[in-house]
Amino acid sequence: MLSKPDPSWAGRTGHVHKAVAEDFPDLCNHQVYACGNPAMVKAASTAFVTSHQLSDEEFYADPFVASGNQLAQINV
């Protein structure tokens, strides 16, 4: 999945968590492991827990922050 695809790209586009939500509308028997941009991780957590029956305890995350920056507290 790509957010900003090249014009020749023929695959899916958009945010990864939205594709997961389309393909798996019920995540009650799943675990999710998300890593990457903190905003994406937060959006995935919110969507999966509030709208796709994922237990809060089954969402694991590693939000990436730039090297050298002070780590910010993120609650996912």
PDB file of N, CA and C in Angstrom:
ATOM      1  N   MET A   1       0.847  -1.186   0.000  1.00  0.00           N
ATOM      2  CA  MET A   1       0.000   0.000   0.000  1.00  0.00           C
ATOM      3  C   MET A   1       0.884   1.237   0.000  1.00  0.00           C
ATOM      4  N   LEU A   2       0.424   2.220  -0.692  1.00  0.00           N
ATOM      5  CA  LEU A   2       1.142   3.475  -0.792  1.00  0.00           C
ATOM      6  C   LEU A   2       0.198   4.639  -0.568  1.00  0.00           C
ATOM      7  N   SER A   3       0.695   5.640   0.120  1.00  0.00           N
ATOM      8  CA  SER A   3      -0.093   6.848   0.297  1.00  0.00           C
ATOM      9  C   SER A   3       0.050   7.781  -0.893  1.00  0.00           C
ATOM     10  N   LYS A   4       1.243   7.790  -1.509  1.00  0.00           N
ATOM     11  CA  LYS A   4       1.498   8.670  -2.659  1.00  0.00           C
ATOM     12  C   LYS A   4       2.148   7.837  -3.763  1.00  0.00           C
ATOM     13  N   PRO A   5       1.351   7.052  -4.491  1.00  0.00           N
ATOM     14  CA  PRO A   5       1.918   6.156  -5.494  1.00  0.00           C
ATOM     15  C   PRO A   5       2.369   6.865  -6.767  1.00  0.00           C
ATOM     16  N   ASP A   6       3.309   6.246  -7.424  1.00  0.00           N
ATOM     17  CA  ASP A   6       3.720   6.662  -8.757  1.00  0.00           C
ATOM     18  C   ASP A   6       2.543   6.389  -9.694  1.00  0.00           C
ATOM     19  N   PRO A   7       2.355   7.163 -10.734  1.00  0.00           N
ATOM     20  CA  PRO A   7       1.222   6.935 -11.649  1.00  0.00           C
ATOM     21  C   PRO A   7       1.172   5.524 -12.244  1.00  0.00           C
ATOM     22  N   SER A   8       2.305   4.845 -12.307  1.00  0.00           N
ATOM     23  CA  SER A   8       2.318   3.494 -12.874  1.00  0.00           C
ATOM     24  C   SER A   8       1.903   2.420 -11.864  1.00  0.00           C
ATOM     25  N   TRP A   9       1.720   2.779 -10.612  1.00  0.00           N
ATOM     26  CA  TRP A   9       1.362   1.815  -9.569  1.00  0.00           C
ATOM     27  C   TRP A   9      -0.047   1.287  -9.812  1.00  0.00           C
ATOM     28  N   ALA A  10      -0.190  -0.052  -9.813  1.00  0.00           N
ATOM     29  CA  ALA A  10      -1.497  -0.662 -10.067  1.00  0.00           C
ATOM     30  C   ALA A  10      -2.097  -1.317  -8.822  1.00  0.00           C
ATOM     31  N   GLY A  11      -1.357  -1.311  -7.723  1.00  0.00           N
ATOM     32  CA  GLY A  11      -1.838  -1.945  -6.496  1.00  0.00           C
ATOM     33  C   GLY A  11      -2.720  -1.024  -5.673  1.00  0.00           C
ATOM     34  N   ARG A  12      -3.048  -1.489  -4.483  1.00  0.00           N
ATOM     35  CA  ARG A  12      -3.881  -0.706  -3.574  1.00  0.00           C
ATOM     36  C   ARG A  12      -3.140   0.545  -3.131  1.00  0.00           C
ATOM     37  N   THR A  13      -3.914   1.544  -2.788  1.00  0.00           N
ATOM     38  CA  THR A  13      -3.342   2.789  -2.283  1.00  0.00           C
ATOM     39  C   THR A  13      -4.077   3.207  -1.020  1.00  0.00           C
ATOM     40  N   GLY A  14      -3.468   4.085  -0.280  1.00  0.00           N
ATOM     41  CA  GLY A  14      -4.085   4.590   0.936  1.00  0.00           C
ATOM     42  C   GLY A  14      -3.328   4.154   2.172  1.00  0.00           C
ATOM     43  N   HIS A  15      -3.933   4.354   3.307  1.00  0.00           N
ATOM     44  CA  HIS A  15      -3.312   3.996   4.583  1.00  0.00           C
ATOM     45  C   HIS A  15      -3.477   2.502   4.861  1.00  0.00           C
ATOM     46  N   VAL A  16      -2.428   1.905   5.383  1.00  0.00           N
ATOM     47  CA  VAL A  16      -2.421   0.462   5.623  1.00  0.00           C
ATOM     48  C   VAL A  16      -3.527   0.051   6.583  1.00  0.00           C
ATOM     49  N   HIS A  17      -3.719   0.801   7.665  1.00  0.00           N
ATOM     50  CA  HIS A  17      -4.729   0.388   8.642  1.00  0.00           C
ATOM     51  C   HIS A  17      -6.141   0.397   8.037  1.00  0.00           C
ATOM     52  N   LYS A  18      -6.382   1.246   7.042  1.00  0.00           N
ATOM     53  CA  LYS A  18      -7.699   1.253   6.402  1.00  0.00           C
ATOM     54  C   LYS A  18      -7.890   0.014   5.535  1.00  0.00           C
ATOM     55  N   ALA A  19      -6.821  -0.453   4.896  1.00  0.00           N
ATOM     56  CA  ALA A  19      -6.901  -1.692   4.112  1.00  0.00           C
ATOM     57  C   ALA A  19      -7.140  -2.881   5.030  1.00  0.00           C
ATOM     58  N   VAL A  20      -6.465  -2.913   6.168  1.00  0.00           N
ATOM     59  CA  VAL A  20      -6.682  -3.995   7.140  1.00  0.00           C
ATOM     60  C   VAL A  20      -8.126  -3.980   7.616  1.00  0.00           C
ATOM     61  N   ALA A  21      -8.641  -2.802   7.919  1.00  0.00           N
ATOM     62  CA  ALA A  21     -10.026  -2.684   8.383  1.00  0.00           C
ATOM     63  C   ALA A  21     -11.020  -3.171   7.330  1.00  0.00           C
ATOM     64  N   GLU A  22     -10.737  -2.912   6.046  1.00  0.00           N
ATOM     65  CA  GLU A  22     -11.614  -3.398   4.978  1.00  0.00           C
ATOM     66  C   GLU A  22     -11.556  -4.919   4.862  1.00  0.00           C
ATOM     67  N   ASP A  23     -10.353  -5.474   4.975  1.00  0.00           N
ATOM     68  CA  ASP A  23     -10.170  -6.915   4.794  1.00  0.00           C
ATOM     69  C   ASP A  23     -10.566  -7.729   6.023  1.00  0.00           C
ATOM     70  N   PHE A  24     -10.479  -7.110   7.207  1.00  0.00           N
ATOM     71  CA  PHE A  24     -10.781  -7.801   8.465  1.00  0.00           C
ATOM     72  C   PHE A  24     -11.710  -6.938   9.314  1.00  0.00           C
ATOM     73  N   PRO A  25     -12.999  -6.926   9.011  1.00  0.00           N
ATOM     74  CA  PRO A  25     -13.923  -6.066   9.761  1.00  0.00           C
ATOM     75  C   PRO A  25     -14.084  -6.473  11.225  1.00  0.00           C
ATOM     76  N   ASP A  26     -13.774  -7.725  11.553  1.00  0.00           N
ATOM     77  CA  ASP A  26     -13.873  -8.208  12.933  1.00  0.00           C
ATOM     78  C   ASP A  26     -12.514  -8.742  13.362  1.00  0.00           C
ATOM     79  N   LEU A  27     -11.860  -8.027  14.267  1.00  0.00           N
ATOM     80  CA  LEU A  27     -10.527  -8.403  14.735  1.00  0.00           C
ATOM     81  C   LEU A  27     -10.543  -9.007  16.137  1.00  0.00           C
ATOM     82  N   CYS A  28     -11.708  -9.480  16.580  1.00  0.00           N
ATOM     83  CA  CYS A  28     -11.822  -9.946  17.967  1.00  0.00           C
ATOM     84  C   CYS A  28     -10.930 -11.151  18.280  1.00  0.00           C
ATOM     85  N   ASN A  29     -10.558 -11.943  17.316  1.00  0.00           N
ATOM     86  CA  ASN A  29      -9.700 -13.106  17.564  1.00  0.00           C
ATOM     87  C   ASN A  29      -8.297 -12.910  17.007  1.00  0.00           C
ATOM     88  N   HIS A  30      -7.860 -11.655  16.940  1.00  0.00           N
ATOM     89  CA  HIS A  30      -6.562 -11.337  16.355  1.00  0.00           C
ATOM     90  C   HIS A  30      -5.713 -10.522  17.315  1.00  0.00           C
ATOM     91  N   GLN A  31      -4.422 -10.481  17.008  1.00  0.00           N
ATOM     92  CA  GLN A  31      -3.493  -9.550  17.630  1.00  0.00           C
ATOM     93  C   GLN A  31      -2.968  -8.662  16.519  1.00  0.00           C
ATOM     94  N   VAL A  32      -2.705  -7.411  16.848  1.00  0.00           N
ATOM     95  CA  VAL A  32      -2.148  -6.479  15.873  1.00  0.00           C
ATOM     96  C   VAL A  32      -0.830  -5.951  16.412  1.00  0.00           C
ATOM     97  N   TYR A  33       0.182  -5.981  15.550  1.00  0.00           N
ATOM     98  CA  TYR A  33       1.496  -5.432  15.844  1.00  0.00           C
ATOM     99  C   TYR A  33       1.731  -4.299  14.850  1.00  0.00           C
ATOM    100  N   ALA A  34       1.841  -3.078  15.345  1.00  0.00           N
ATOM    101  CA  ALA A  34       1.995  -1.919  14.471  1.00  0.00           C
ATOM    102  C   ALA A  34       3.278  -1.173  14.812  1.00  0.00           C
ATOM    103  N   CYS A  35       3.995  -0.783  13.776  1.00  0.00           N
ATOM    104  CA  CYS A  35       5.170   0.052  13.985  1.00  0.00           C
ATOM    105  C   CYS A  35       5.231   1.081  12.872  1.00  0.00           C
ATOM    106  N   GLY A  36       5.810   2.220  13.178  1.00  0.00           N
ATOM    107  CA  GLY A  36       5.936   3.276  12.179  1.00  0.00           C
ATOM    108  C   GLY A  36       5.609   4.634  12.759  1.00  0.00           C
ATOM    109  N   ASN A  37       5.138   5.498  11.900  1.00  0.00           N
ATOM    110  CA  ASN A  37       4.798   6.856  12.275  1.00  0.00           C
ATOM    111  C   ASN A  37       3.826   6.855  13.464  1.00  0.00           C
ATOM    112  N   PRO A  38       4.110   7.645  14.513  1.00  0.00           N
ATOM    113  CA  PRO A  38       3.226   7.654  15.680  1.00  0.00           C
ATOM    114  C   PRO A  38       1.770   7.982  15.363  1.00  0.00           C
ATOM    115  N   ALA A  39       1.527   8.877  14.413  1.00  0.00           N
ATOM    116  CA  ALA A  39       0.145   9.214  14.062  1.00  0.00           C
ATOM    117  C   ALA A  39      -0.559   8.021  13.425  1.00  0.00           C
ATOM    118  N   MET A  40       0.146   7.260  12.592  1.00  0.00           N
ATOM    119  CA  MET A  40      -0.435   6.067  11.964  1.00  0.00           C
ATOM    120  C   MET A  40      -0.729   5.000  13.019  1.00  0.00           C
ATOM    121  N   VAL A  41       0.202   4.810  13.941  1.00  0.00           N
ATOM    122  CA  VAL A  41       0.009   3.816  15.000  1.00  0.00           C
ATOM    123  C   VAL A  41      -1.215   4.177  15.836  1.00  0.00           C
ATOM    124  N   LYS A  42      -1.353   5.443  16.184  1.00  0.00           N
ATOM    125  CA  LYS A  42      -2.505   5.895  16.974  1.00  0.00           C
ATOM    126  C   LYS A  42      -3.803   5.727  16.188  1.00  0.00           C
ATOM    127  N   ALA A  43      -3.796   6.066  14.903  1.00  0.00           N
ATOM    128  CA  ALA A  43      -5.001   5.924  14.078  1.00  0.00           C
ATOM    129  C   ALA A  43      -5.413   4.458  13.977  1.00  0.00           C
ATOM    130  N   ALA A  44      -4.437   3.574  13.813  1.00  0.00           N
ATOM    131  CA  ALA A  44      -4.735   2.138  13.729  1.00  0.00           C
ATOM    132  C   ALA A  44      -5.320   1.643  15.039  1.00  0.00           C
ATOM    133  N   SER A  45      -4.707   2.009  16.147  1.00  0.00           N
ATOM    134  CA  SER A  45      -5.209   1.583  17.457  1.00  0.00           C
ATOM    135  C   SER A  45      -6.643   2.039  17.671  1.00  0.00           C
ATOM    136  N   THR A  46      -6.893   3.305  17.424  1.00  0.00           N
ATOM    137  CA  THR A  46      -8.234   3.858  17.620  1.00  0.00           C
ATOM    138  C   THR A  46      -9.255   3.146  16.748  1.00  0.00           C
ATOM    139  N   ALA A  47      -8.937   2.986  15.463  1.00  0.00           N
ATOM    140  CA  ALA A  47      -9.887   2.354  14.539  1.00  0.00           C
ATOM    141  C   ALA A  47     -10.149   0.900  14.912  1.00  0.00           C
ATOM    142  N   PHE A  48      -9.105   0.145  15.180  1.00  0.00           N
ATOM    143  CA  PHE A  48      -9.278  -1.286  15.433  1.00  0.00           C
ATOM    144  C   PHE A  48      -9.991  -1.564  16.751  1.00  0.00           C
ATOM    145  N   VAL A  49      -9.674  -0.789  17.777  1.00  0.00           N
ATOM    146  CA  VAL A  49     -10.283  -1.021  19.091  1.00  0.00           C
ATOM    147  C   VAL A  49     -11.725  -0.507  19.125  1.00  0.00           C
ATOM    148  N   THR A  50     -11.975   0.649  18.548  1.00  0.00           N
ATOM    149  CA  THR A  50     -13.324   1.225  18.645  1.00  0.00           C
ATOM    150  C   THR A  50     -14.305   0.675  17.614  1.00  0.00           C
ATOM    151  N   SER A  51     -13.808   0.275  16.437  1.00  0.00           N
ATOM    152  CA  SER A  51     -14.733  -0.113  15.368  1.00  0.00           C
ATOM    153  C   SER A  51     -14.589  -1.536  14.851  1.00  0.00           C
ATOM    154  N   HIS A  52     -13.554  -2.242  15.278  1.00  0.00           N
ATOM    155  CA  HIS A  52     -13.305  -3.570  14.706  1.00  0.00           C
ATOM    156  C   HIS A  52     -13.099  -4.656  15.761  1.00  0.00           C
ATOM    157  N   GLN A  53     -13.630  -4.425  16.944  1.00  0.00           N
ATOM    158  CA  GLN A  53     -13.690  -5.405  18.021  1.00  0.00           C
ATOM    159  C   GLN A  53     -12.328  -5.950  18.471  1.00  0.00           C
ATOM    160  N   LEU A  54     -11.255  -5.208  18.245  1.00  0.00           N
ATOM    161  CA  LEU A  54      -9.947  -5.638  18.739  1.00  0.00           C
ATOM    162  C   LEU A  54      -9.843  -5.273  20.213  1.00  0.00           C
ATOM    163  N   SER A  55      -9.431  -6.243  21.022  1.00  0.00           N
ATOM    164  CA  SER A  55      -9.202  -5.967  22.432  1.00  0.00           C
ATOM    165  C   SER A  55      -8.009  -5.024  22.567  1.00  0.00           C
ATOM    166  N   ASP A  56      -8.117  -4.042  23.436  1.00  0.00           N
ATOM    167  CA  ASP A  56      -7.036  -3.088  23.674  1.00  0.00           C
ATOM    168  C   ASP A  56      -5.739  -3.812  24.055  1.00  0.00           C
ATOM    169  N   GLU A  57      -5.865  -4.922  24.769  1.00  0.00           N
ATOM    170  CA  GLU A  57      -4.698  -5.689  25.212  1.00  0.00           C
ATOM    171  C   GLU A  57      -4.032  -6.450  24.069  1.00  0.00           C
ATOM    172  N   GLU A  58      -4.667  -6.543  22.925  1.00  0.00           N
ATOM    173  CA  GLU A  58      -4.119  -7.279  21.786  1.00  0.00           C
ATOM    174  C   GLU A  58      -3.512  -6.362  20.724  1.00  0.00           C
ATOM    175  N   PHE A  59      -3.365  -5.077  21.043  1.00  0.00           N
ATOM    176  CA  PHE A  59      -2.720  -4.127  20.140  1.00  0.00           C
ATOM    177  C   PHE A  59      -1.344  -3.811  20.701  1.00  0.00           C
ATOM    178  N   TYR A  60      -0.314  -4.168  19.943  1.00  0.00           N
ATOM    179  CA  TYR A  60       1.070  -3.945  20.339  1.00  0.00           C
ATOM    180  C   TYR A  60       1.682  -2.941  19.378  1.00  0.00           C
ATOM    181  N   ALA A  61       2.455  -1.979  19.904  1.00  0.00           N
ATOM    182  CA  ALA A  61       2.937  -0.907  19.039  1.00  0.00           C
ATOM    183  C   ALA A  61       4.369  -0.499  19.354  1.00  0.00           C
ATOM    184  N   ASP A  62       5.037  -0.051  18.295  1.00  0.00           N
ATOM    185  CA  ASP A  62       6.373   0.517  18.386  1.00  0.00           C
ATOM    186  C   ASP A  62       6.407   1.747  17.483  1.00  0.00           C
ATOM    187  N   PRO A  63       5.913   2.882  17.992  1.00  0.00           N
ATOM    188  CA  PRO A  63       5.933   4.091  17.165  1.00  0.00           C
ATOM    189  C   PRO A  63       7.374   4.567  16.967  1.00  0.00           C
ATOM    190  N   PHE A  64       7.718   4.931  15.748  1.00  0.00           N
ATOM    191  CA  PHE A  64       9.065   5.390  15.425  1.00  0.00           C
ATOM    192  C   PHE A  64       9.176   6.884  15.678  1.00  0.00           C
ATOM    193  N   VAL A  65      10.299   7.285  16.238  1.00  0.00           N
ATOM    194  CA  VAL A  65      10.606   8.703  16.393  1.00  0.00           C
ATOM    195  C   VAL A  65      11.987   8.940  15.800  1.00  0.00           C
ATOM    196  N   ALA A  66      12.238  10.152  15.335  1.00  0.00           N
ATOM    197  CA  ALA A  66      13.516  10.479  14.720  1.00  0.00           C
ATOM    198  C   ALA A  66      14.648  10.369  15.728  1.00  0.00           C
ATOM    199  N   SER A  67      15.779   9.887  15.289  1.00  0.00           N
ATOM    200  CA  SER A  67      16.967   9.766  16.129  1.00  0.00           C
ATOM    201  C   SER A  67      17.386  11.150  16.611  1.00  0.00           C
ATOM    202  N   GLY A  68      17.766  11.233  17.863  1.00  0.00           N
ATOM    203  CA  GLY A  68      18.221  12.494  18.421  1.00  0.00           C
ATOM    204  C   GLY A  68      17.116  13.327  19.034  1.00  0.00           C
ATOM    205  N   ASN A  69      15.881  13.024  18.711  1.00  0.00           N
ATOM    206  CA  ASN A  69      14.759  13.749  19.314  1.00  0.00           C
ATOM    207  C   ASN A  69      14.444  13.128  20.663  1.00  0.00           C
ATOM    208  N   GLN A  70      14.009  13.942  21.566  1.00  0.00           N
ATOM    209  CA  GLN A  70      13.570  13.414  22.841  1.00  0.00           C
ATOM    210  C   GLN A  70      12.331  12.594  22.609  1.00  0.00           C
ATOM    211  N   LEU A  71      12.295  11.387  23.183  1.00  0.00           N
ATOM    212  CA  LEU A  71      11.146  10.509  22.994  1.00  0.00           C
ATOM    213  C   LEU A  71       9.917  11.142  23.634  1.00  0.00           C
ATOM    214  N   ALA A  72       8.864  11.184  22.873  1.00  0.00           N
ATOM    215  CA  ALA A  72       7.589  11.716  23.365  1.00  0.00           C
ATOM    216  C   ALA A  72       6.743  10.562  23.882  1.00  0.00           C
ATOM    217  N   GLN A  73       6.016  10.799  24.935  1.00  0.00           N
ATOM    218  CA  GLN A  73       5.098   9.795  25.452  1.00  0.00           C
ATOM    219  C   GLN A  73       3.923   9.680  24.514  1.00  0.00           C
ATOM    220  N   ILE A  74       3.629   8.468  24.077  1.00  0.00           N
ATOM    221  CA  ILE A  74       2.460   8.243  23.212  1.00  0.00           C
ATOM    222  C   ILE A  74       1.643   7.136  23.824  1.00  0.00           C
ATOM    223  N   ASN A  75       0.395   7.395  24.004  1.00  0.00           N
ATOM    224  CA  ASN A  75      -0.516   6.386  24.532  1.00  0.00           C
ATOM    225  C   ASN A  75      -1.307   5.805  23.369  1.00  0.00           C
ATOM    226  N   VAL A  76      -1.083   4.529  23.100  1.00  0.00           N
ATOM    227  CA  VAL A  76      -1.830   3.882  22.021  1.00  0.00           C
ATOM    228  C   VAL A  76      -2.774   2.861  22.578  1.00  0.00           C
TER     229      VAL A  76
END
